[in-house]
C-alpha atoms as a PDB file:
ATOM      1  CA  MET A   1     112.885-114.927 148.316  1.00  0.00           C
ATOM      2  CA  ILE A   2     109.201-115.160 147.385  1.00  0.00           C
ATOM      3  CA  LEU A   3     110.099-116.023 143.774  1.00  0.00           C
ATOM      4  CA  GLY A   4     112.233-118.899 145.061  1.00  0.00           C
ATOM      5  CA  LEU A   5     109.305-120.165 147.125  1.00  0.00           C
ATOM      6  CA  VAL A   6     106.917-119.804 144.176  1.00  0.00           C
ATOM      7  CA  HIS A   7     109.340-121.753 141.971  1.00  0.00           C
ATOM      8  CA  GLU A   8     109.626-124.501 144.588  1.00  0.00           C
ATOM      9  CA  GLN A   9     105.848-124.631 145.003  1.00  0.00           C
ATOM     10  CA  ARG A  10     105.277-124.954 141.237  1.00  0.00           C
ATOM     11  CA  TYR A  11     108.147-127.240 140.193  1.00  0.00           C
ATOM     12  CA  GLY A  12     109.392-128.851 143.399  1.00  0.00           C
ATOM     13  CA  PRO A  13     112.486-128.411 145.550  1.00  0.00           C
ATOM     14  CA  PHE A  14     115.958-128.616 143.990  1.00  0.00           C
ATOM     15  CA  THR A  15     114.639-128.069 140.455  1.00  0.00           C
ATOM     16  CA  TYR A  16     115.737-125.740 137.705  1.00  0.00           C
ATOM     17  CA  VAL A  17     114.144-124.665 134.433  1.00  0.00           C
ATOM     18  CA  LEU A  18     116.047-125.355 131.222  1.00  0.00           C
ATOM     19  CA  PHE A  19     115.610-122.648 128.615  1.00  0.00           C
ATOM     20  CA  ARG A  20     114.912-123.818 125.081  1.00  0.00           C
ATOM     21  CA  THR A  21     118.408-122.716 124.080  1.00  0.00           C
ATOM     22  CA  TYR A  22     120.193-124.635 126.852  1.00  0.00           C
ATOM     23  CA  GLN A  23     121.947-126.985 124.417  1.00  0.00           C
ATOM     24  CA  GLU A  24     122.936-124.255 121.949  1.00  0.00           C
ATOM     25  CA  THR A  25     126.578-123.262 121.826  1.00  0.00           C
ATOM     26  CA  GLU A  26     126.083-120.093 119.796  1.00  0.00           C
ATOM     27  CA  GLU A  27     124.101-116.991 120.687  1.00  0.00           C
ATOM     28  CA  THR A  28     120.439-117.250 119.706  1.00  0.00           C
ATOM     29  CA  ASP A  29     118.363-114.287 118.542  1.00  0.00           C
ATOM     30  CA  LEU A  30     114.805-114.526 119.827  1.00  0.00           C
ATOM     31  CA  PRO A  31     112.754-111.728 118.215  1.00  0.00           C
ATOM     32  CA  TYR A  32     110.180-111.453 121.011  1.00  0.00           C
ATOM     33  CA  THR A  33     108.904-107.987 120.115  1.00  0.00           C
ATOM     34  CA  LYS A  34     108.220-109.020 116.533  1.00  0.00           C
ATOM     35  CA  MET A  35     106.566-112.276 117.593  1.00  0.00           C
ATOM     36  CA  TYR A  36     104.653-111.147 120.676  1.00  0.00           C
ATOM     37  CA  GLY A  37     104.334-107.347 120.469  1.00  0.00           C
ATOM     38  CA  SER A  38     100.564-107.462 119.890  1.00  0.00           C
ATOM     39  CA  LEU A  39     100.197-109.573 123.045  1.00  0.00           C
ATOM     40  CA  GLU A  40     102.246-107.374 125.356  1.00  0.00           C
ATOM     41  CA  LYS A  41      99.366-106.741 127.779  1.00  0.00           C
ATOM     42  CA  GLU A  42      98.321-110.400 128.018  1.00  0.00           C
ATOM     43  CA  ILE A  43     101.902-111.628 128.410  1.00  0.00           C
ATOM     44  CA  SER A  44     102.488-109.028 131.123  1.00  0.00           C
ATOM     45  CA  LEU A  45      99.369-110.186 132.983  1.00  0.00           C
ATOM     46  CA  TYR A  46     100.413-113.831 132.602  1.00  0.00           C
ATOM     47  CA  ALA A  47     103.943-113.115 133.845  1.00  0.00           C
ATOM     48  CA  SER A  48     102.519-111.288 136.847  1.00  0.00           C
ATOM     49  CA  ALA A  49     100.294-114.272 137.672  1.00  0.00           C
ATOM     50  CA  LEU A  50     103.285-116.621 137.426  1.00  0.00           C
ATOM     51  CA  ARG A  51     105.046-114.666 140.187  1.00  0.00           C
ATOM     52  CA  GLN A  52     102.219-114.880 142.707  1.00  0.00           C
ATOM     53  CA  GLY A  53     102.836-116.889 145.850  1.00  0.00           C
ATOM     54  CA  ASP A  54      99.157-117.132 146.775  1.00  0.00           C
ATOM     55  CA  PHE A  55      96.581-119.244 144.912  1.00  0.00           C
ATOM     56  CA  LEU A  56      93.949-116.500 145.010  1.00  0.00           C
ATOM     57  CA  SER A  57      96.209-113.852 143.470  1.00  0.00           C
ATOM     58  CA  GLU A  58      97.529-116.349 140.946  1.00  0.00           C
ATOM     59  CA  TYR A  59      94.018-117.396 139.900  1.00  0.00           C
ATOM     60  CA  LEU A  60      92.868-113.807 139.524  1.00  0.00           C
ATOM     61  CA  GLY A  61      95.962-112.971 137.459  1.00  0.00           C
ATOM     62  CA  TYR A  62      95.311-115.774 134.977  1.00  0.00           C
ATOM     63  CA  TYR A  63      91.645-114.878 134.779  1.00  0.00           C
ATOM     64  CA  ARG A  64      92.609-111.292 133.925  1.00  0.00           C
ATOM     65  CA  VAL A  65      94.394-112.730 130.870  1.00  0.00           C
ATOM     66  CA  LEU A  66      91.153-114.412 129.780  1.00  0.00           C
ATOM     67  CA  GLU A  67      89.210-111.180 130.243  1.00  0.00           C
ATOM     68  CA  SER A  68      91.793-109.258 128.227  1.00  0.00           C
ATOM     69  CA  VAL A  69      91.840-111.733 125.345  1.00  0.00           C
ATOM     70  CA  THR A  70      88.050-112.143 125.168  1.00  0.00           C
ATOM     71  CA  GLU A  71      87.299-108.489 126.016  1.00  0.00           C
ATOM     72  CA  ASN A  72      84.479-109.665 128.296  1.00  0.00           C
ATOM     73  CA  ASN A  73      84.042-111.947 131.327  1.00  0.00           C
ATOM     74  CA  GLY A  74      85.399-114.930 129.393  1.00  0.00           C
ATOM     75  CA  LYS A  75      82.668-117.420 130.330  1.00  0.00           C
ATOM     76  CA  LYS A  76      81.603-118.156 126.751  1.00  0.00           C
ATOM     77  CA  TRP A  77      85.212-118.629 125.612  1.00  0.00           C
ATOM     78  CA  LEU A  78      85.937-120.866 128.633  1.00  0.00           C
ATOM     79  CA  ALA A  79      82.994-123.133 127.877  1.00  0.00           C
ATOM     80  CA  SER A  80      84.229-123.631 124.323  1.00  0.00           C
ATOM     81  CA  ALA A  81      87.915-123.960 125.304  1.00  0.00           C
ATOM     82  CA  LEU A  82      87.662-126.532 128.108  1.00  0.00           C
ATOM     83  CA  PRO A  83      87.170-129.545 125.775  1.00  0.00           C
ATOM     84  CA  ARG A  84      90.163-128.399 123.674  1.00  0.00           C
ATOM     85  CA  LEU A  85      92.591-128.781 126.598  1.00  0.00           C
ATOM     86  CA  ARG A  86      93.311-132.389 125.633  1.00  0.00           C
ATOM     87  CA  GLN A  87      94.545-131.573 122.133  1.00  0.00           C
ATOM     88  CA  HIS A  88      96.104-128.142 122.542  1.00  0.00           C
ATOM     89  CA  ALA A  89      99.870-127.912 121.938  1.00  0.00           C
ATOM     90  CA  PHE A  90     101.182-125.974 124.943  1.00  0.00           C
ATOM     91  CA  GLY A  91     104.853-126.336 124.101  1.00  0.00           C
ATOM     92  CA  LYS A  92     107.550-127.302 126.569  1.00  0.00           C
ATOM     93  CA  VAL A  93     109.095-125.964 129.735  1.00  0.00           C
ATOM     94  CA  LEU A  94     111.806-128.441 130.643  1.00  0.00           C
ATOM     95  CA  VAL A  95     112.594-128.866 134.327  1.00  0.00           C
ATOM     96  CA  GLY A  96     115.549-130.774 135.708  1.00  0.00           C
ATOM     97  CA  HIS A  97     116.360-131.833 139.246  1.00  0.00           C
ATOM     98  CA  SER A  98     119.662-130.770 140.775  1.00  0.00           C
ATOM     99  CA  ARG A  99     120.008-134.072 142.637  1.00  0.00           C
ATOM    100  CA  ASP A 100     119.341-136.240 139.599  1.00  0.00           C
ATOM    101  CA  TYR A 101     121.460-135.254 136.600  1.00  0.00           C
ATOM    102  CA  GLU A 102     121.110-138.659 134.938  1.00  0.00           C
ATOM    103  CA  SER A 103     117.349-138.531 134.331  1.00  0.00           C
ATOM    104  CA  PRO A 104     116.183-136.483 131.381  1.00  0.00           C
ATOM    105  CA  PRO A 105     114.365-133.232 132.155  1.00  0.00           C
ATOM    106  CA  ARG A 106     110.574-133.388 132.386  1.00  0.00           C
ATOM    107  CA  ASN A 107     108.122-131.173 130.564  1.00  0.00           C
ATOM    108  CA  ALA A 108     106.405-129.123 133.287  1.00  0.00           C
ATOM    109  CA  LEU A 109     103.600-128.141 130.901  1.00  0.00           C
ATOM    110  CA  GLY A 110     102.863-131.833 130.288  1.00  0.00           C
ATOM    111  CA  VAL A 111     102.620-132.408 134.036  1.00  0.00           C
ATOM    112  CA  PHE A 112     100.430-129.310 134.405  1.00  0.00           C
ATOM    113  CA  ARG A 113      98.149-130.514 131.573  1.00  0.00           C
ATOM    114  CA  ARG A 114      97.646-133.907 133.247  1.00  0.00           C
ATOM    115  CA  ARG A 115      96.746-132.215 136.536  1.00  0.00           C
ATOM    116  CA  ALA A 116      94.479-129.691 134.787  1.00  0.00           C
ATOM    117  CA  LEU A 117      92.682-132.482 132.930  1.00  0.00           C
ATOM    118  CA  LEU A 118      92.124-134.320 136.226  1.00  0.00           C
ATOM    119  CA  ARG A 119      90.625-131.139 137.656  1.00  0.00           C
ATOM    120  CA  TYR A 120      88.517-130.615 134.535  1.00  0.00           C
ATOM    121  CA  ARG A 121      87.116-134.170 134.781  1.00  0.00           C
ATOM    122  CA  SER A 122      86.355-133.600 138.461  1.00  0.00           C
ATOM    123  CA  LEU A 123      84.526-130.344 137.693  1.00  0.00           C
ATOM    124  CA  LEU A 124      82.664-131.981 134.799  1.00  0.00           C
ATOM    125  CA  LYS A 125      81.458-134.702 137.136  1.00  0.00           C
ATOM    126  CA  ARG A 126      80.431-132.086 139.718  1.00  0.00           C
ATOM    127  CA  PHE A 127      78.762-129.539 137.405  1.00  0.00           C
ATOM    128  CA  GLY A 128      77.682-131.669 134.430  1.00  0.00           C
ATOM    129  CA  ASN A 129      78.724-129.471 131.496  1.00  0.00           C
ATOM    130  CA  ASP A 130      81.237-126.910 130.266  1.00  0.00           C
ATOM    131  CA  ASP A 131      78.881-123.929 130.588  1.00  0.00           C
ATOM    132  CA  ALA A 132      78.326-124.684 134.280  1.00  0.00           C
ATOM    133  CA  ILE A 133      82.080-125.048 134.831  1.00  0.00           C
ATOM    134  CA  ALA A 134      82.674-121.690 133.127  1.00  0.00           C
ATOM    135  CA  ARG A 135      80.043-120.068 135.381  1.00  0.00           C
ATOM    136  CA  TYR A 136      81.716-121.607 138.444  1.00  0.00           C
ATOM    137  CA  LEU A 137      85.195-120.441 137.396  1.00  0.00           C
ATOM    138  CA  TYR A 138      83.890-116.905 136.892  1.00  0.00           C
ATOM    139  CA  ASN A 139      81.025-116.417 139.360  1.00  0.00           C
ATOM    140  CA  VAL A 140      82.387-118.363 142.320  1.00  0.00           C
ATOM    141  CA  ASN A 141      86.166-118.097 141.984  1.00  0.00           C
ATOM    142  CA  ARG A 142      86.944-114.958 139.993  1.00  0.00           C
ATOM    143  CA  CYS A 143      84.173-112.814 141.500  1.00  0.00           C
ATOM    144  CA  GLY A 144      84.599-114.363 144.942  1.00  0.00           C
ATOM    145  CA  ILE A 145      88.304-113.461 144.915  1.00  0.00           C
ATOM    146  CA  ALA A 146      88.006-110.020 143.304  1.00  0.00           C
ATOM    147  CA  HIS A 147      84.944-108.574 145.039  1.00  0.00           C
ATOM    148  CA  GLY A 148      84.348-107.788 148.694  1.00  0.00           C
ATOM    149  CA  LYS A 149      80.664-108.605 148.861  1.00  0.00           C
ATOM    150  CA  ASP A 150      78.431-111.667 148.885  1.00  0.00           C
ATOM    151  CA  SER A 151      80.355-114.969 148.633  1.00  0.00           C
ATOM    152  CA  ILE A 152      83.972-114.057 149.290  1.00  0.00           C
ATOM    153  CA  VAL A 153      86.708-116.609 148.688  1.00  0.00           C
ATOM    154  CA  LYS A 154      89.011-116.223 151.668  1.00  0.00           C
ATOM    155  CA  GLY A 155      92.715-116.960 151.872  1.00  0.00           C
ATOM    156  CA  HIS A 156      92.275-119.166 154.924  1.00  0.00           C
ATOM    157  CA  VAL A 157      93.935-122.559 154.719  1.00  0.00           C
ATOM    158  CA  THR A 158      90.734-124.503 154.086  1.00  0.00           C
ATOM    159  CA  PRO A 159      89.626-127.061 151.492  1.00  0.00           C
ATOM    160  CA  MET A 160      88.143-124.200 149.403  1.00  0.00           C
ATOM    161  CA  TYR A 161      91.538-122.468 149.256  1.00  0.00           C
ATOM    162  CA  PHE A 162      93.211-125.610 147.883  1.00  0.00           C
ATOM    163  CA  GLU A 163      90.330-126.096 145.469  1.00  0.00           C
ATOM    164  CA  VAL A 164      91.112-122.638 144.059  1.00  0.00           C
ATOM    165  CA  GLY A 165      94.735-123.807 143.788  1.00  0.00           C
ATOM    166  CA  ARG A 166      93.660-126.712 141.581  1.00  0.00           C
ATOM    167  CA  ASP A 167      91.431-124.374 139.583  1.00  0.00           C
ATOM    168  CA  ALA A 168      94.352-121.924 139.211  1.00  0.00           C
ATOM    169  CA  LEU A 169      96.324-124.581 137.355  1.00  0.00           C
ATOM    170  CA  LEU A 170      93.376-125.170 135.031  1.00  0.00           C
ATOM    171  CA  VAL A 171      92.935-121.430 134.398  1.00  0.00           C
ATOM    172  CA  LYS A 172      96.707-121.079 133.943  1.00  0.00           C
ATOM    173  CA  LEU A 173      96.648-123.429 130.968  1.00  0.00           C
ATOM    174  CA  LEU A 174      93.480-121.849 129.616  1.00  0.00           C
ATOM    175  CA  ALA A 175      95.130-118.402 129.799  1.00  0.00           C
ATOM    176  CA  LYS A 176      98.160-119.764 127.948  1.00  0.00           C
ATOM    177  CA  MET A 177      95.831-121.277 125.352  1.00  0.00           C
ATOM    178  CA  ALA A 178      93.994-117.959 124.955  1.00  0.00           C
ATOM    179  CA  ILE A 179      97.270-116.120 124.363  1.00  0.00           C
ATOM    180  CA  GLN A 180      98.447-118.717 121.851  1.00  0.00           C
ATOM    181  CA  GLU A 181      95.118-118.633 119.996  1.00  0.00           C
ATOM    182  CA  LYS A 182      95.142-114.826 119.858  1.00  0.00           C
ATOM    183  CA  MET A 183      98.666-114.977 118.487  1.00  0.00           C
ATOM    184  CA  GLY A 184      97.343-117.129 115.656  1.00  0.00           C
END
């Protein structure tokens, strides 16, 4: 049930995800182990984050991907990666709507990128530069969610909670970018 709610929260009610082979009539061999075997840990962390129904858990899951890829707290990588969001090729996750079969499916990753770029611009205006944004994403959000001391980010339905939700989308795309860059 929670996965259904997470899906609805991410893509909207009455939607379905089209797999990249949805128009194929023959069986398709996708050699995932060969392609992604060296990224098993990061993909597992990313998949776990995708299944979270709470913004705080989701954010922390994506940040764990960044820490795994960078093998440190990820702040330096974040600062260099944020400006690359605009040009990065994230691929496609096509989503259709069960009450509108006539419209073509939409690329969810394109929608996510637009929202993430809006959040990035907002943070840039607020903090002034990419290094400060990276510190905020780590020190305030990641540490505030993961640790039980000092400035704790609480799961109360407050403006801060929804701010973490917007940041989770940004970190989601950055985690995907980190995985894709590590893959080469």
